[in-house]
Amino acid sequence: MTWKERYDRMKAHYGWTDKHVAEMTGNSAGSVRTVVTAKTQEFPRWLKLAIVVFEIENGYKEIAVVL
């Protein structure tokens, strides 16, 4: 799975939108959407951390692909 797919799974699990994530992180919903979908930028490290913690807590196997 890509980081975006993993992010979408985490959002779906909690019932979050990009707006919810933005409010929690002090960003705008547009900036969250931009960094998640950008093909020219690396996926944000802070969001990778959140995804890995979510996957560990929920027993997903993808945590082997951290970086």
C-alpha atoms as a PDB file:
ATOM      1  CA  MET A   1       0.000   0.000   0.000  1.00  0.00           C
ATOM      2  CA  THR A   2       1.098   3.551  -0.630  1.00  0.00           C
ATOM      3  CA  TRP A   3       1.347   6.084   2.177  1.00  0.00           C
ATOM      4  CA  LYS A   4      -1.760   7.801   0.793  1.00  0.00           C
ATOM      5  CA  GLU A   5      -3.722   4.548   0.864  1.00  0.00           C
ATOM      6  CA  ARG A   6      -2.539   3.921   4.406  1.00  0.00           C
ATOM      7  CA  TYR A   7      -3.524   7.492   5.350  1.00  0.00           C
ATOM      8  CA  ASP A   8      -6.983   7.023   3.803  1.00  0.00           C
ATOM      9  CA  ARG A   9      -7.429   3.778   5.757  1.00  0.00           C
ATOM     10  CA  MET A  10      -6.516   5.540   9.014  1.00  0.00           C
ATOM     11  CA  LYS A  11      -8.949   8.383   8.280  1.00  0.00           C
ATOM     12  CA  ALA A  12     -11.735   5.930   7.437  1.00  0.00           C
ATOM     13  CA  HIS A  13     -11.096   3.953  10.628  1.00  0.00           C
ATOM     14  CA  TYR A  14     -11.564   7.041  12.795  1.00  0.00           C
ATOM     15  CA  GLY A  15     -14.173   8.722  10.591  1.00  0.00           C
ATOM     16  CA  TRP A  16     -11.844  11.663   9.970  1.00  0.00           C
ATOM     17  CA  THR A  17     -11.640  14.054   7.041  1.00  0.00           C
ATOM     18  CA  ASP A  18      -8.685  16.149   5.940  1.00  0.00           C
ATOM     19  CA  LYS A  19     -10.348  18.984   7.868  1.00  0.00           C
ATOM     20  CA  HIS A  20     -10.202  16.962  11.102  1.00  0.00           C
ATOM     21  CA  VAL A  21      -6.521  16.174  10.537  1.00  0.00           C
ATOM     22  CA  ALA A  22      -5.871  19.844   9.752  1.00  0.00           C
ATOM     23  CA  GLU A  23      -7.543  20.985  12.979  1.00  0.00           C
ATOM     24  CA  MET A  24      -5.468  18.511  15.010  1.00  0.00           C
ATOM     25  CA  THR A  25      -2.199  19.556  13.388  1.00  0.00           C
ATOM     26  CA  GLY A  26      -2.730  23.297  13.037  1.00  0.00           C
ATOM     27  CA  ASN A  27      -2.815  23.206   9.239  1.00  0.00           C
ATOM     28  CA  SER A  28      -5.488  24.013   6.701  1.00  0.00           C
ATOM     29  CA  ALA A  29      -7.485  21.203   5.100  1.00  0.00           C
ATOM     30  CA  GLY A  30      -6.105  22.308   1.732  1.00  0.00           C
ATOM     31  CA  SER A  31      -2.501  22.039   2.898  1.00  0.00           C
ATOM     32  CA  VAL A  32      -3.102  18.561   4.318  1.00  0.00           C
ATOM     33  CA  ARG A  33      -4.698  17.472   1.051  1.00  0.00           C
ATOM     34  CA  THR A  34      -1.813  19.011  -0.919  1.00  0.00           C
ATOM     35  CA  VAL A  35       0.965  17.242   0.990  1.00  0.00           C
ATOM     36  CA  VAL A  36      -0.890  13.929   0.896  1.00  0.00           C
ATOM     37  CA  THR A  37      -1.529  14.000  -2.848  1.00  0.00           C
ATOM     38  CA  ALA A  38       1.658  15.752  -4.050  1.00  0.00           C
ATOM     39  CA  LYS A  39       3.713  13.602  -6.361  1.00  0.00           C
ATOM     40  CA  THR A  40       6.731  15.913  -6.295  1.00  0.00           C
ATOM     41  CA  GLN A  41       7.128  16.021  -2.512  1.00  0.00           C
ATOM     42  CA  GLU A  42       7.976  13.302  -0.053  1.00  0.00           C
ATOM     43  CA  PHE A  43       5.075  12.190   2.157  1.00  0.00           C
ATOM     44  CA  PRO A  44       5.270  14.178   5.440  1.00  0.00           C
ATOM     45  CA  ARG A  45       7.244  12.488   8.223  1.00  0.00           C
ATOM     46  CA  TRP A  46       4.778  13.642  10.885  1.00  0.00           C
ATOM     47  CA  LEU A  47       1.979  11.903   9.024  1.00  0.00           C
ATOM     48  CA  LYS A  48       4.046   8.740   8.524  1.00  0.00           C
ATOM     49  CA  LEU A  49       4.504   8.600  12.293  1.00  0.00           C
ATOM     50  CA  ALA A  50       0.758   8.902  12.892  1.00  0.00           C
ATOM     51  CA  ILE A  51       0.066   6.145  10.367  1.00  0.00           C
ATOM     52  CA  VAL A  52       2.682   3.792  11.841  1.00  0.00           C
ATOM     53  CA  VAL A  53       1.294   4.283  15.362  1.00  0.00           C
ATOM     54  CA  PHE A  54      -2.232   3.627  14.051  1.00  0.00           C
ATOM     55  CA  GLU A  55      -1.058   0.456  12.285  1.00  0.00           C
ATOM     56  CA  ILE A  56       0.813  -0.842  15.324  1.00  0.00           C
ATOM     57  CA  GLU A  57      -2.186  -0.231  17.566  1.00  0.00           C
ATOM     58  CA  ASN A  58      -4.483  -2.019  15.118  1.00  0.00           C
ATOM     59  CA  GLY A  59      -2.245  -4.948  14.152  1.00  0.00           C
ATOM     60  CA  TYR A  60      -1.660  -4.063  10.493  1.00  0.00           C
ATOM     61  CA  LYS A  61       1.276  -5.704   8.730  1.00  0.00           C
ATOM     62  CA  GLU A  62       2.427  -2.676   6.698  1.00  0.00           C
ATOM     63  CA  ILE A  63       4.476  -1.315   9.582  1.00  0.00           C
ATOM     64  CA  ALA A  64       7.485  -3.141   8.156  1.00  0.00           C
ATOM     65  CA  VAL A  65       7.514  -0.469   5.435  1.00  0.00           C
ATOM     66  CA  VAL A  66       8.226   2.556   7.591  1.00  0.00           C
ATOM     67  CA  LEU A  67      10.507   4.568   5.326  1.00  0.00           C
END
